[in-house]
N, C-alpha and C. Protein backbone atom coordinates (compact mmCIF):
# COMPACT_ATOMS: atom_id res chain seq x y z
N MET A 1 6.80 9.40 20.80
CA MET A 1 7.92 8.58 20.32
C MET A 1 7.81 8.46 18.81
N LEU A 2 8.92 8.63 18.13
CA LEU A 2 8.97 8.49 16.67
C LEU A 2 9.57 7.13 16.34
N MET A 3 8.85 6.35 15.54
CA MET A 3 9.36 5.04 15.16
C MET A 3 9.46 5.01 13.62
N LEU A 4 10.61 4.66 13.12
CA LEU A 4 10.84 4.58 11.69
C LEU A 4 10.84 3.11 11.29
N ILE A 5 9.98 2.77 10.35
CA ILE A 5 9.87 1.39 9.89
C ILE A 5 10.16 1.35 8.41
N CYS A 6 11.10 0.54 8.01
CA CYS A 6 11.43 0.38 6.60
C CYS A 6 11.11 -1.04 6.19
N GLY A 7 10.50 -1.17 5.06
CA GLY A 7 10.18 -2.51 4.60
C GLY A 7 9.58 -2.44 3.22
N TYR A 8 9.21 -3.60 2.72
CA TYR A 8 8.60 -3.69 1.40
C TYR A 8 7.26 -4.41 1.51
N PHE A 9 6.22 -3.77 1.01
CA PHE A 9 4.90 -4.41 0.93
C PHE A 9 4.56 -4.60 -0.52
N ARG A 10 4.07 -5.77 -0.85
CA ARG A 10 3.45 -5.97 -2.14
C ARG A 10 1.98 -6.21 -1.86
N ALA A 11 1.18 -5.21 -2.17
CA ALA A 11 -0.25 -5.30 -1.88
C ALA A 11 -1.02 -4.94 -3.15
N SER A 12 -2.00 -5.77 -3.48
CA SER A 12 -2.74 -5.50 -4.69
C SER A 12 -4.22 -5.49 -4.42
N TYR A 13 -4.93 -4.76 -5.26
CA TYR A 13 -6.39 -4.74 -5.21
C TYR A 13 -6.82 -5.72 -6.27
N GLY A 14 -7.34 -6.88 -5.85
CA GLY A 14 -7.60 -7.93 -6.79
C GLY A 14 -6.29 -8.40 -7.36
N SER A 15 -6.25 -8.62 -8.66
CA SER A 15 -5.02 -9.09 -9.28
C SER A 15 -4.39 -8.06 -10.18
N SER A 16 -4.90 -6.82 -10.13
CA SER A 16 -4.44 -5.89 -11.14
C SER A 16 -3.64 -4.72 -10.65
N ILE A 17 -3.95 -4.18 -9.52
CA ILE A 17 -3.33 -2.92 -9.11
C ILE A 17 -2.39 -3.17 -7.94
N ASP A 18 -1.11 -3.01 -8.16
CA ASP A 18 -0.14 -3.05 -7.06
C ASP A 18 -0.20 -1.69 -6.39
N LEU A 19 -0.73 -1.62 -5.19
CA LEU A 19 -1.07 -0.36 -4.55
C LEU A 19 0.14 0.53 -4.31
N PHE A 20 1.32 -0.07 -4.11
CA PHE A 20 2.47 0.73 -3.74
C PHE A 20 3.54 0.81 -4.82
N ALA A 21 3.34 0.13 -5.96
CA ALA A 21 4.40 0.01 -6.95
C ALA A 21 4.87 1.35 -7.52
N SER A 22 3.97 2.28 -7.69
CA SER A 22 4.37 3.54 -8.35
C SER A 22 4.59 4.68 -7.38
N LEU A 23 4.67 4.41 -6.10
CA LEU A 23 4.94 5.50 -5.14
C LEU A 23 6.36 6.03 -5.34
N SER A 24 6.48 7.34 -5.42
CA SER A 24 7.81 7.92 -5.62
C SER A 24 8.37 8.50 -4.32
N THR A 25 7.53 8.60 -3.29
CA THR A 25 7.97 9.14 -2.00
C THR A 25 7.47 8.21 -0.89
N PRO A 26 8.11 8.27 0.28
CA PRO A 26 7.65 7.41 1.40
C PRO A 26 6.25 7.81 1.86
N ILE A 27 5.54 6.85 2.43
CA ILE A 27 4.25 7.11 3.03
C ILE A 27 4.49 7.59 4.47
N VAL A 28 3.92 8.72 4.82
CA VAL A 28 4.08 9.26 6.16
C VAL A 28 2.68 9.47 6.71
N GLU A 29 2.37 8.79 7.80
CA GLU A 29 1.07 8.94 8.46
C GLU A 29 1.27 8.98 9.97
N ARG A 30 0.38 9.65 10.65
CA ARG A 30 0.42 9.75 12.11
C ARG A 30 -0.62 8.75 12.66
N PHE A 31 -0.19 7.90 13.58
CA PHE A 31 -1.09 6.92 14.19
C PHE A 31 -1.27 7.23 15.66
N GLU A 32 -2.41 6.84 16.18
CA GLU A 32 -2.75 7.05 17.58
C GLU A 32 -2.54 5.73 18.36
N PRO A 33 -2.39 5.82 19.66
CA PRO A 33 -2.26 4.59 20.47
C PRO A 33 -3.40 3.60 20.23
N ALA A 34 -4.61 4.15 19.99
CA ALA A 34 -5.77 3.29 19.76
C ALA A 34 -5.61 2.42 18.51
N ASP A 35 -4.74 2.83 17.60
CA ASP A 35 -4.51 2.02 16.40
C ASP A 35 -3.75 0.73 16.70
N GLU A 36 -3.10 0.68 17.88
CA GLU A 36 -2.36 -0.49 18.35
C GLU A 36 -1.34 -0.99 17.32
N LEU A 37 -0.71 -0.03 16.66
CA LEU A 37 0.29 -0.41 15.66
C LEU A 37 1.56 -0.94 16.29
N GLY A 38 1.96 -0.37 17.44
CA GLY A 38 3.19 -0.82 18.11
C GLY A 38 3.15 -2.30 18.47
N PRO A 39 2.09 -2.75 19.18
CA PRO A 39 2.03 -4.18 19.53
C PRO A 39 2.01 -5.09 18.30
N LYS A 40 1.35 -4.65 17.23
CA LYS A 40 1.29 -5.48 16.03
C LYS A 40 2.69 -5.62 15.41
N LEU A 41 3.40 -4.51 15.33
CA LEU A 41 4.75 -4.56 14.76
C LEU A 41 5.72 -5.33 15.64
N GLN A 42 5.56 -5.21 16.98
CA GLN A 42 6.39 -6.00 17.89
C GLN A 42 6.11 -7.49 17.71
N ALA A 43 4.86 -7.84 17.52
CA ALA A 43 4.49 -9.25 17.32
C ALA A 43 5.09 -9.76 16.01
N ALA A 44 5.06 -8.93 14.96
CA ALA A 44 5.64 -9.33 13.68
C ALA A 44 7.16 -9.54 13.82
N LEU A 45 7.82 -8.62 14.50
CA LEU A 45 9.28 -8.75 14.70
C LEU A 45 9.60 -9.99 15.54
N ALA A 46 8.77 -10.28 16.55
CA ALA A 46 9.00 -11.48 17.37
C ALA A 46 8.85 -12.75 16.52
N GLU A 47 7.89 -12.75 15.65
CA GLU A 47 7.70 -13.90 14.74
C GLU A 47 8.92 -14.08 13.84
N ILE A 48 9.38 -12.97 13.26
CA ILE A 48 10.52 -13.04 12.33
C ILE A 48 11.77 -13.52 13.07
N SER A 49 12.03 -12.95 14.23
CA SER A 49 13.26 -13.33 14.96
C SER A 49 13.14 -14.74 15.57
N GLY A 50 11.94 -15.20 15.90
CA GLY A 50 11.75 -16.52 16.49
C GLY A 50 11.96 -17.66 15.52
N ARG A 51 11.68 -17.40 14.24
CA ARG A 51 11.88 -18.42 13.18
C ARG A 51 11.29 -19.78 13.54
N GLN A 52 10.06 -19.77 14.02
CA GLN A 52 9.40 -21.02 14.33
C GLN A 52 8.58 -21.48 13.13
N VAL A 53 8.06 -22.69 13.23
CA VAL A 53 7.20 -23.23 12.18
C VAL A 53 5.98 -22.28 12.00
N GLY A 54 5.68 -21.96 10.79
CA GLY A 54 4.53 -21.08 10.50
C GLY A 54 4.85 -19.63 10.60
N MET A 55 6.16 -19.29 10.71
CA MET A 55 6.58 -17.91 10.89
C MET A 55 6.07 -17.02 9.74
N GLN A 56 6.21 -17.50 8.53
CA GLN A 56 5.80 -16.67 7.37
C GLN A 56 4.31 -16.39 7.37
N ALA A 57 3.51 -17.43 7.67
CA ALA A 57 2.05 -17.24 7.69
C ALA A 57 1.63 -16.26 8.80
N MET A 58 2.23 -16.41 9.96
CA MET A 58 1.89 -15.52 11.08
C MET A 58 2.32 -14.08 10.79
N THR A 59 3.53 -13.92 10.26
CA THR A 59 4.02 -12.57 9.95
C THR A 59 3.14 -11.92 8.88
N THR A 60 2.78 -12.69 7.86
CA THR A 60 1.90 -12.15 6.81
C THR A 60 0.57 -11.70 7.39
N ALA A 61 -0.02 -12.52 8.28
CA ALA A 61 -1.30 -12.16 8.87
C ALA A 61 -1.19 -10.87 9.70
N ILE A 62 -0.14 -10.75 10.46
CA ILE A 62 0.04 -9.55 11.30
C ILE A 62 0.25 -8.32 10.42
N LEU A 63 1.11 -8.46 9.39
CA LEU A 63 1.38 -7.31 8.53
C LEU A 63 0.15 -6.91 7.70
N LYS A 64 -0.74 -7.86 7.43
CA LYS A 64 -1.99 -7.50 6.78
C LYS A 64 -2.83 -6.60 7.67
N GLN A 65 -2.79 -6.88 8.97
CA GLN A 65 -3.51 -6.00 9.91
C GLN A 65 -2.91 -4.59 9.91
N VAL A 66 -1.59 -4.51 9.83
CA VAL A 66 -0.92 -3.20 9.76
C VAL A 66 -1.34 -2.47 8.49
N LEU A 67 -1.40 -3.19 7.38
CA LEU A 67 -1.77 -2.60 6.11
C LEU A 67 -3.21 -2.11 6.14
N VAL A 68 -4.10 -2.90 6.69
CA VAL A 68 -5.50 -2.47 6.80
C VAL A 68 -5.62 -1.23 7.68
N THR A 69 -4.87 -1.18 8.75
CA THR A 69 -4.85 -0.01 9.63
C THR A 69 -4.41 1.22 8.83
N LEU A 70 -3.37 1.05 8.02
CA LEU A 70 -2.88 2.15 7.18
C LEU A 70 -3.95 2.59 6.19
N LEU A 71 -4.64 1.64 5.56
CA LEU A 71 -5.68 1.99 4.59
C LEU A 71 -6.85 2.69 5.27
N ARG A 72 -7.23 2.21 6.44
CA ARG A 72 -8.32 2.87 7.16
C ARG A 72 -7.95 4.32 7.53
N ARG A 73 -6.71 4.49 7.97
CA ARG A 73 -6.24 5.83 8.30
C ARG A 73 -6.21 6.68 7.05
N SER A 74 -5.85 6.08 5.93
CA SER A 74 -5.71 6.84 4.70
C SER A 74 -7.03 7.42 4.20
N LEU A 75 -8.14 6.78 4.53
CA LEU A 75 -9.42 7.26 4.03
C LEU A 75 -9.80 8.59 4.68
N ASN A 76 -9.17 8.95 5.76
CA ASN A 76 -9.43 10.25 6.42
C ASN A 76 -8.26 11.21 6.31
N SER A 77 -7.27 10.86 5.48
CA SER A 77 -6.08 11.67 5.38
C SER A 77 -6.16 12.59 4.19
N THR A 78 -5.27 13.59 4.17
CA THR A 78 -5.22 14.52 3.05
C THR A 78 -3.96 14.32 2.20
N SER A 79 -3.23 13.25 2.43
CA SER A 79 -1.99 13.03 1.72
C SER A 79 -2.24 12.76 0.25
N VAL A 80 -1.34 13.28 -0.59
CA VAL A 80 -1.49 13.16 -2.04
C VAL A 80 -1.44 11.70 -2.48
N TRP A 81 -0.61 10.88 -1.82
CA TRP A 81 -0.46 9.50 -2.26
C TRP A 81 -1.77 8.71 -2.19
N LEU A 82 -2.74 9.23 -1.40
CA LEU A 82 -3.97 8.50 -1.19
C LEU A 82 -4.92 8.55 -2.38
N GLU A 83 -4.60 9.34 -3.39
CA GLU A 83 -5.48 9.40 -4.56
C GLU A 83 -5.66 8.01 -5.18
N ARG A 84 -4.64 7.16 -5.10
CA ARG A 84 -4.74 5.83 -5.71
C ARG A 84 -5.71 4.92 -4.97
N PHE A 85 -6.13 5.31 -3.75
CA PHE A 85 -7.11 4.52 -3.02
C PHE A 85 -8.51 5.09 -3.15
N SER A 86 -8.68 6.05 -4.04
CA SER A 86 -9.97 6.74 -4.13
C SER A 86 -11.12 5.81 -4.48
N ILE A 87 -10.82 4.70 -5.17
CA ILE A 87 -11.90 3.77 -5.51
C ILE A 87 -12.53 3.17 -4.27
N LEU A 88 -11.81 3.10 -3.16
CA LEU A 88 -12.33 2.54 -1.95
C LEU A 88 -13.43 3.40 -1.34
N HIS A 89 -13.47 4.68 -1.73
CA HIS A 89 -14.51 5.59 -1.22
C HIS A 89 -15.86 5.34 -1.87
N ASP A 90 -15.89 4.84 -3.08
CA ASP A 90 -17.14 4.70 -3.84
C ASP A 90 -17.49 3.21 -3.95
N ARG A 91 -18.39 2.77 -3.08
CA ARG A 91 -18.72 1.34 -3.04
C ARG A 91 -19.31 0.83 -4.33
N GLN A 92 -20.12 1.64 -5.01
CA GLN A 92 -20.76 1.17 -6.24
C GLN A 92 -19.72 0.99 -7.36
N ILE A 93 -18.80 1.93 -7.47
CA ILE A 93 -17.75 1.78 -8.47
C ILE A 93 -16.82 0.62 -8.10
N ALA A 94 -16.52 0.48 -6.81
CA ALA A 94 -15.68 -0.63 -6.36
C ALA A 94 -16.33 -1.98 -6.67
N LEU A 95 -17.66 -2.04 -6.60
CA LEU A 95 -18.39 -3.28 -6.90
C LEU A 95 -18.20 -3.66 -8.37
N ALA A 96 -18.33 -2.68 -9.26
CA ALA A 96 -18.14 -2.95 -10.70
C ALA A 96 -16.67 -3.30 -10.99
N PHE A 97 -15.77 -2.58 -10.33
CA PHE A 97 -14.34 -2.81 -10.55
C PHE A 97 -13.96 -4.21 -10.07
N ALA A 98 -14.51 -4.63 -8.93
CA ALA A 98 -14.24 -5.97 -8.41
C ALA A 98 -14.71 -7.03 -9.39
N ASP A 99 -15.84 -6.79 -10.07
CA ASP A 99 -16.34 -7.73 -11.07
C ASP A 99 -15.38 -7.81 -12.27
N MET A 100 -14.83 -6.68 -12.66
CA MET A 100 -13.84 -6.66 -13.74
C MET A 100 -12.62 -7.50 -13.34
N LEU A 101 -12.18 -7.36 -12.09
CA LEU A 101 -11.03 -8.10 -11.60
C LEU A 101 -11.30 -9.59 -11.51
N ALA A 102 -12.49 -9.94 -11.05
CA ALA A 102 -12.84 -11.34 -10.84
C ALA A 102 -13.07 -12.05 -12.19
N ARG A 103 -13.60 -11.32 -13.17
CA ARG A 103 -13.94 -11.94 -14.43
C ARG A 103 -13.43 -11.10 -15.60
N PRO A 104 -12.11 -11.00 -15.75
CA PRO A 104 -11.59 -10.17 -16.83
C PRO A 104 -11.95 -10.64 -18.23
N SER A 105 -12.26 -11.92 -18.37
CA SER A 105 -12.59 -12.44 -19.70
C SER A 105 -14.05 -12.27 -20.05
N ALA A 106 -14.86 -11.80 -19.10
CA ALA A 106 -16.29 -11.61 -19.39
C ALA A 106 -16.48 -10.51 -20.43
N ASP A 107 -17.65 -10.53 -21.06
CA ASP A 107 -17.97 -9.57 -22.13
C ASP A 107 -18.49 -8.27 -21.48
N HIS A 108 -17.59 -7.60 -20.75
CA HIS A 108 -17.97 -6.37 -20.06
C HIS A 108 -18.19 -5.24 -21.05
N SER A 109 -19.15 -4.38 -20.72
CA SER A 109 -19.37 -3.14 -21.46
C SER A 109 -19.64 -2.05 -20.43
N VAL A 110 -19.62 -0.81 -20.84
CA VAL A 110 -19.93 0.28 -19.90
C VAL A 110 -21.32 0.09 -19.36
N LEU A 111 -22.26 -0.32 -20.21
CA LEU A 111 -23.63 -0.53 -19.76
C LEU A 111 -23.74 -1.66 -18.75
N SER A 112 -23.11 -2.81 -19.01
CA SER A 112 -23.19 -3.94 -18.08
C SER A 112 -22.54 -3.60 -16.74
N LEU A 113 -21.43 -2.85 -16.78
CA LEU A 113 -20.76 -2.45 -15.55
C LEU A 113 -21.59 -1.41 -14.78
N ALA A 114 -22.25 -0.50 -15.51
CA ALA A 114 -23.13 0.47 -14.86
C ALA A 114 -24.29 -0.26 -14.17
N GLN A 115 -24.82 -1.28 -14.83
CA GLN A 115 -25.90 -2.06 -14.23
C GLN A 115 -25.42 -2.79 -12.97
N LYS A 116 -24.19 -3.30 -13.02
CA LYS A 116 -23.62 -3.94 -11.84
C LYS A 116 -23.50 -2.98 -10.69
N ALA A 117 -23.18 -1.74 -11.00
CA ALA A 117 -23.02 -0.70 -9.97
C ALA A 117 -24.35 -0.05 -9.60
N CYS A 118 -25.43 -0.46 -10.26
CA CYS A 118 -26.76 0.13 -10.03
C CYS A 118 -26.77 1.64 -10.27
N LEU A 119 -26.11 2.04 -11.39
CA LEU A 119 -26.05 3.45 -11.75
C LEU A 119 -26.46 3.60 -13.22
N SER A 120 -26.85 4.80 -13.57
CA SER A 120 -27.07 5.08 -14.98
C SER A 120 -25.72 5.06 -15.70
N ARG A 121 -25.76 4.89 -16.99
CA ARG A 121 -24.50 4.83 -17.77
C ARG A 121 -23.67 6.10 -17.56
N SER A 122 -24.32 7.26 -17.63
CA SER A 122 -23.58 8.53 -17.54
C SER A 122 -23.03 8.75 -16.12
N ALA A 123 -23.84 8.42 -15.10
CA ALA A 123 -23.34 8.56 -13.72
C ALA A 123 -22.19 7.62 -13.46
N PHE A 124 -22.30 6.39 -13.97
CA PHE A 124 -21.23 5.41 -13.79
C PHE A 124 -19.94 5.89 -14.43
N MET A 125 -20.05 6.38 -15.69
CA MET A 125 -18.85 6.87 -16.38
C MET A 125 -18.17 8.00 -15.60
N ALA A 126 -18.96 8.96 -15.16
CA ALA A 126 -18.41 10.12 -14.45
C ALA A 126 -17.75 9.69 -13.14
N ARG A 127 -18.41 8.83 -12.38
CA ARG A 127 -17.85 8.42 -11.08
C ARG A 127 -16.66 7.48 -11.26
N PHE A 128 -16.69 6.63 -12.30
CA PHE A 128 -15.55 5.75 -12.53
C PHE A 128 -14.32 6.55 -12.90
N VAL A 129 -14.47 7.51 -13.80
CA VAL A 129 -13.33 8.34 -14.21
C VAL A 129 -12.80 9.14 -13.03
N ARG A 130 -13.71 9.65 -12.19
CA ARG A 130 -13.28 10.41 -11.02
C ARG A 130 -12.50 9.50 -10.05
N ALA A 131 -12.95 8.25 -9.87
CA ALA A 131 -12.29 7.34 -8.94
C ALA A 131 -11.00 6.79 -9.46
N MET A 132 -10.96 6.45 -10.76
CA MET A 132 -9.84 5.71 -11.32
C MET A 132 -8.92 6.53 -12.20
N GLY A 133 -9.39 7.68 -12.68
CA GLY A 133 -8.55 8.50 -13.54
C GLY A 133 -8.51 8.05 -14.99
N CYS A 134 -9.38 7.10 -15.34
CA CYS A 134 -9.46 6.61 -16.72
C CYS A 134 -10.85 6.03 -16.93
N SER A 135 -11.18 5.73 -18.17
CA SER A 135 -12.49 5.16 -18.47
C SER A 135 -12.54 3.68 -18.05
N PRO A 136 -13.75 3.13 -17.91
CA PRO A 136 -13.84 1.71 -17.55
C PRO A 136 -13.18 0.77 -18.54
N MET A 137 -13.28 1.07 -19.82
CA MET A 137 -12.69 0.18 -20.82
C MET A 137 -11.17 0.25 -20.82
N VAL A 138 -10.61 1.42 -20.52
CA VAL A 138 -9.16 1.52 -20.40
C VAL A 138 -8.70 0.73 -19.17
N ALA A 139 -9.44 0.85 -18.06
CA ALA A 139 -9.10 0.08 -16.86
C ALA A 139 -9.20 -1.40 -17.11
N LEU A 140 -10.24 -1.82 -17.85
CA LEU A 140 -10.41 -3.23 -18.15
C LEU A 140 -9.26 -3.74 -18.99
N ARG A 141 -8.82 -2.96 -19.95
CA ARG A 141 -7.70 -3.38 -20.78
C ARG A 141 -6.44 -3.55 -19.94
N ARG A 142 -6.21 -2.62 -19.00
CA ARG A 142 -5.04 -2.75 -18.11
C ARG A 142 -5.12 -4.01 -17.27
N ILE A 143 -6.30 -4.30 -16.75
CA ILE A 143 -6.49 -5.51 -15.94
C ILE A 143 -6.20 -6.74 -16.79
N ARG A 144 -6.75 -6.77 -17.99
CA ARG A 144 -6.54 -7.92 -18.86
C ARG A 144 -5.07 -8.08 -19.24
N MET A 145 -4.42 -6.97 -19.52
CA MET A 145 -3.01 -7.07 -19.94
C MET A 145 -2.09 -7.42 -18.77
N LYS A 146 -2.45 -7.00 -17.55
CA LYS A 146 -1.68 -7.42 -16.37
C LYS A 146 -1.84 -8.91 -16.17
N ARG A 147 -3.06 -9.42 -16.29
CA ARG A 147 -3.32 -10.84 -16.18
C ARG A 147 -2.58 -11.62 -17.27
N ALA A 148 -2.62 -11.07 -18.51
CA ALA A 148 -1.93 -11.72 -19.61
C ALA A 148 -0.43 -11.78 -19.37
N ALA A 149 0.17 -10.70 -18.86
CA ALA A 149 1.60 -10.69 -18.59
C ALA A 149 1.95 -11.71 -17.51
N ASP A 150 1.11 -11.83 -16.48
CA ASP A 150 1.33 -12.83 -15.42
C ASP A 150 1.28 -14.24 -15.98
N MET A 151 0.29 -14.48 -16.85
CA MET A 151 0.15 -15.81 -17.44
C MET A 151 1.31 -16.11 -18.38
N LEU A 152 1.76 -15.09 -19.10
CA LEU A 152 2.89 -15.27 -20.01
C LEU A 152 4.15 -15.61 -19.23
N ALA A 153 4.34 -14.94 -18.08
CA ALA A 153 5.52 -15.20 -17.26
C ALA A 153 5.51 -16.61 -16.70
N ALA A 154 4.32 -17.16 -16.50
CA ALA A 154 4.22 -18.53 -15.98
C ALA A 154 4.67 -19.57 -17.00
N ARG A 155 4.68 -19.21 -18.27
CA ARG A 155 5.14 -20.08 -19.36
C ARG A 155 4.40 -21.44 -19.36
N THR A 156 3.11 -21.37 -19.12
CA THR A 156 2.29 -22.58 -19.08
C THR A 156 1.30 -22.64 -20.23
N PHE A 157 0.84 -21.46 -20.67
CA PHE A 157 -0.23 -21.39 -21.67
C PHE A 157 0.34 -20.83 -22.98
N SER A 158 -0.31 -21.20 -24.08
CA SER A 158 0.04 -20.60 -25.36
C SER A 158 -0.49 -19.17 -25.42
N ALA A 159 0.06 -18.39 -26.30
CA ALA A 159 -0.41 -17.00 -26.44
C ALA A 159 -1.87 -16.95 -26.83
N GLU A 160 -2.33 -17.91 -27.65
CA GLU A 160 -3.73 -17.94 -28.05
C GLU A 160 -4.62 -18.28 -26.84
N GLN A 161 -4.17 -19.20 -25.98
CA GLN A 161 -4.93 -19.53 -24.77
C GLN A 161 -5.01 -18.33 -23.83
N ILE A 162 -3.92 -17.61 -23.72
CA ILE A 162 -3.90 -16.42 -22.87
C ILE A 162 -4.86 -15.37 -23.41
N ALA A 163 -4.85 -15.17 -24.73
CA ALA A 163 -5.76 -14.21 -25.35
C ALA A 163 -7.20 -14.52 -25.00
N ARG A 164 -7.60 -15.78 -25.12
CA ARG A 164 -8.97 -16.18 -24.79
C ARG A 164 -9.26 -16.03 -23.29
N ALA A 165 -8.27 -16.37 -22.47
CA ALA A 165 -8.46 -16.31 -21.01
C ALA A 165 -8.67 -14.90 -20.50
N VAL A 166 -8.18 -13.90 -21.21
CA VAL A 166 -8.35 -12.52 -20.78
C VAL A 166 -9.41 -11.79 -21.61
N GLY A 167 -10.21 -12.52 -22.36
CA GLY A 167 -11.39 -11.93 -22.97
C GLY A 167 -11.28 -11.49 -24.41
N TYR A 168 -10.26 -11.94 -25.13
CA TYR A 168 -10.12 -11.55 -26.53
C TYR A 168 -10.48 -12.71 -27.45
N ARG A 169 -11.46 -12.48 -28.33
CA ARG A 169 -11.83 -13.51 -29.29
C ARG A 169 -10.88 -13.49 -30.47
N SER A 170 -10.30 -12.32 -30.75
CA SER A 170 -9.38 -12.18 -31.86
C SER A 170 -7.93 -12.09 -31.32
N TYR A 171 -7.09 -13.01 -31.81
CA TYR A 171 -5.71 -13.02 -31.37
C TYR A 171 -4.97 -11.74 -31.79
N SER A 172 -5.31 -11.24 -32.98
CA SER A 172 -4.65 -10.00 -33.45
C SER A 172 -5.05 -8.81 -32.57
N SER A 173 -6.29 -8.77 -32.12
CA SER A 173 -6.71 -7.67 -31.22
C SER A 173 -5.97 -7.77 -29.90
N PHE A 174 -5.79 -9.00 -29.41
CA PHE A 174 -5.02 -9.22 -28.17
C PHE A 174 -3.59 -8.73 -28.33
N LEU A 175 -2.95 -9.09 -29.45
CA LEU A 175 -1.56 -8.67 -29.68
C LEU A 175 -1.45 -7.15 -29.73
N ARG A 176 -2.41 -6.51 -30.40
CA ARG A 176 -2.40 -5.06 -30.51
C ARG A 176 -2.54 -4.42 -29.11
N ALA A 177 -3.47 -4.91 -28.32
CA ALA A 177 -3.67 -4.35 -26.98
C ALA A 177 -2.46 -4.61 -26.09
N PHE A 178 -1.88 -5.80 -26.18
CA PHE A 178 -0.71 -6.13 -25.36
C PHE A 178 0.45 -5.22 -25.73
N ARG A 179 0.64 -4.97 -27.03
CA ARG A 179 1.72 -4.10 -27.47
C ARG A 179 1.51 -2.66 -26.97
N GLN A 180 0.27 -2.17 -27.00
CA GLN A 180 -0.03 -0.81 -26.55
C GLN A 180 0.29 -0.65 -25.05
N VAL A 181 -0.02 -1.68 -24.25
CA VAL A 181 0.17 -1.58 -22.81
C VAL A 181 1.61 -1.85 -22.41
N HIS A 182 2.22 -2.90 -22.97
CA HIS A 182 3.52 -3.34 -22.52
C HIS A 182 4.69 -2.93 -23.43
N GLY A 183 4.38 -2.43 -24.63
CA GLY A 183 5.43 -1.95 -25.52
C GLY A 183 6.05 -2.99 -26.40
N TYR A 184 5.58 -4.23 -26.30
CA TYR A 184 6.06 -5.29 -27.16
C TYR A 184 4.94 -6.32 -27.29
N ALA A 185 5.02 -7.15 -28.31
CA ALA A 185 4.02 -8.21 -28.50
C ALA A 185 4.63 -9.52 -28.06
N PRO A 186 3.88 -10.34 -27.33
CA PRO A 186 4.43 -11.66 -26.95
C PRO A 186 4.62 -12.54 -28.16
N GLN A 187 5.74 -13.21 -28.19
CA GLN A 187 6.04 -14.12 -29.29
C GLN A 187 5.55 -15.51 -28.91
N LYS A 188 5.09 -16.25 -29.89
CA LYS A 188 4.63 -17.62 -29.60
C LYS A 188 5.73 -18.46 -28.99
N SER A 189 6.98 -18.16 -29.37
CA SER A 189 8.11 -18.95 -28.84
C SER A 189 8.39 -18.63 -27.38
N GLU A 190 7.85 -17.51 -26.85
CA GLU A 190 8.07 -17.15 -25.45
C GLU A 190 7.29 -18.05 -24.51
N VAL A 191 6.26 -18.69 -25.04
CA VAL A 191 5.33 -19.40 -24.21
C VAL A 191 5.61 -20.89 -24.29
N ALA A 192 5.74 -21.53 -23.16
CA ALA A 192 6.05 -22.98 -23.12
C ALA A 192 4.78 -23.76 -22.96
N GLY A 193 4.82 -24.96 -23.41
CA GLY A 193 3.66 -25.86 -23.23
C GLY A 193 3.69 -26.48 -21.84
N PRO A 194 2.60 -27.16 -21.45
CA PRO A 194 2.53 -27.71 -20.10
C PRO A 194 3.56 -28.79 -19.82
N ASN A 195 4.13 -29.42 -20.85
CA ASN A 195 5.11 -30.49 -20.63
C ASN A 195 6.54 -30.03 -20.72
N SER A 196 6.75 -28.73 -20.89
CA SER A 196 8.14 -28.25 -21.05
C SER A 196 8.77 -28.05 -19.68
N ASP A 197 10.11 -27.88 -19.71
CA ASP A 197 10.83 -27.70 -18.43
C ASP A 197 10.63 -26.32 -17.88
């Protein structure tokens, strides 16, 4: 039986990588009955159509199971779209990357991240680039700038507070990095104080 499912998932690895945001083609995977995808999707649809108290929480929990099933299947697949999940294959690199996500403002260096991964500096660099397609410091800058953009959108913190929160001691260095990643520099007037509307 062929089942076509259309929907939107927003799934991220930590707070930085939206796993599906840059996909240009649909994900096509073959599942087996043992994956129990049918019952999970039927349960999600029943929750949505039932509209009972807690519907959103239950649907989210069920769809997370579907997503995990997809990711597990993806680790054994040959599909091109799976390259973006390559970090999941390397536990040591994933450990260092998770630390970058959890503490973007920390004073990370290639050496400190290599130590976190229990690898030599050169082995860490080679494996990180193979898994992520960029150097650790480029990945860290992207993480920091994604966090900064999210904080800026919240309109709660000043630009200087955001710069410090994402690991920049120099406001001018933060502005330069933000402009390189996002194409514009945040203006102080864009950011509202905690007492504003």
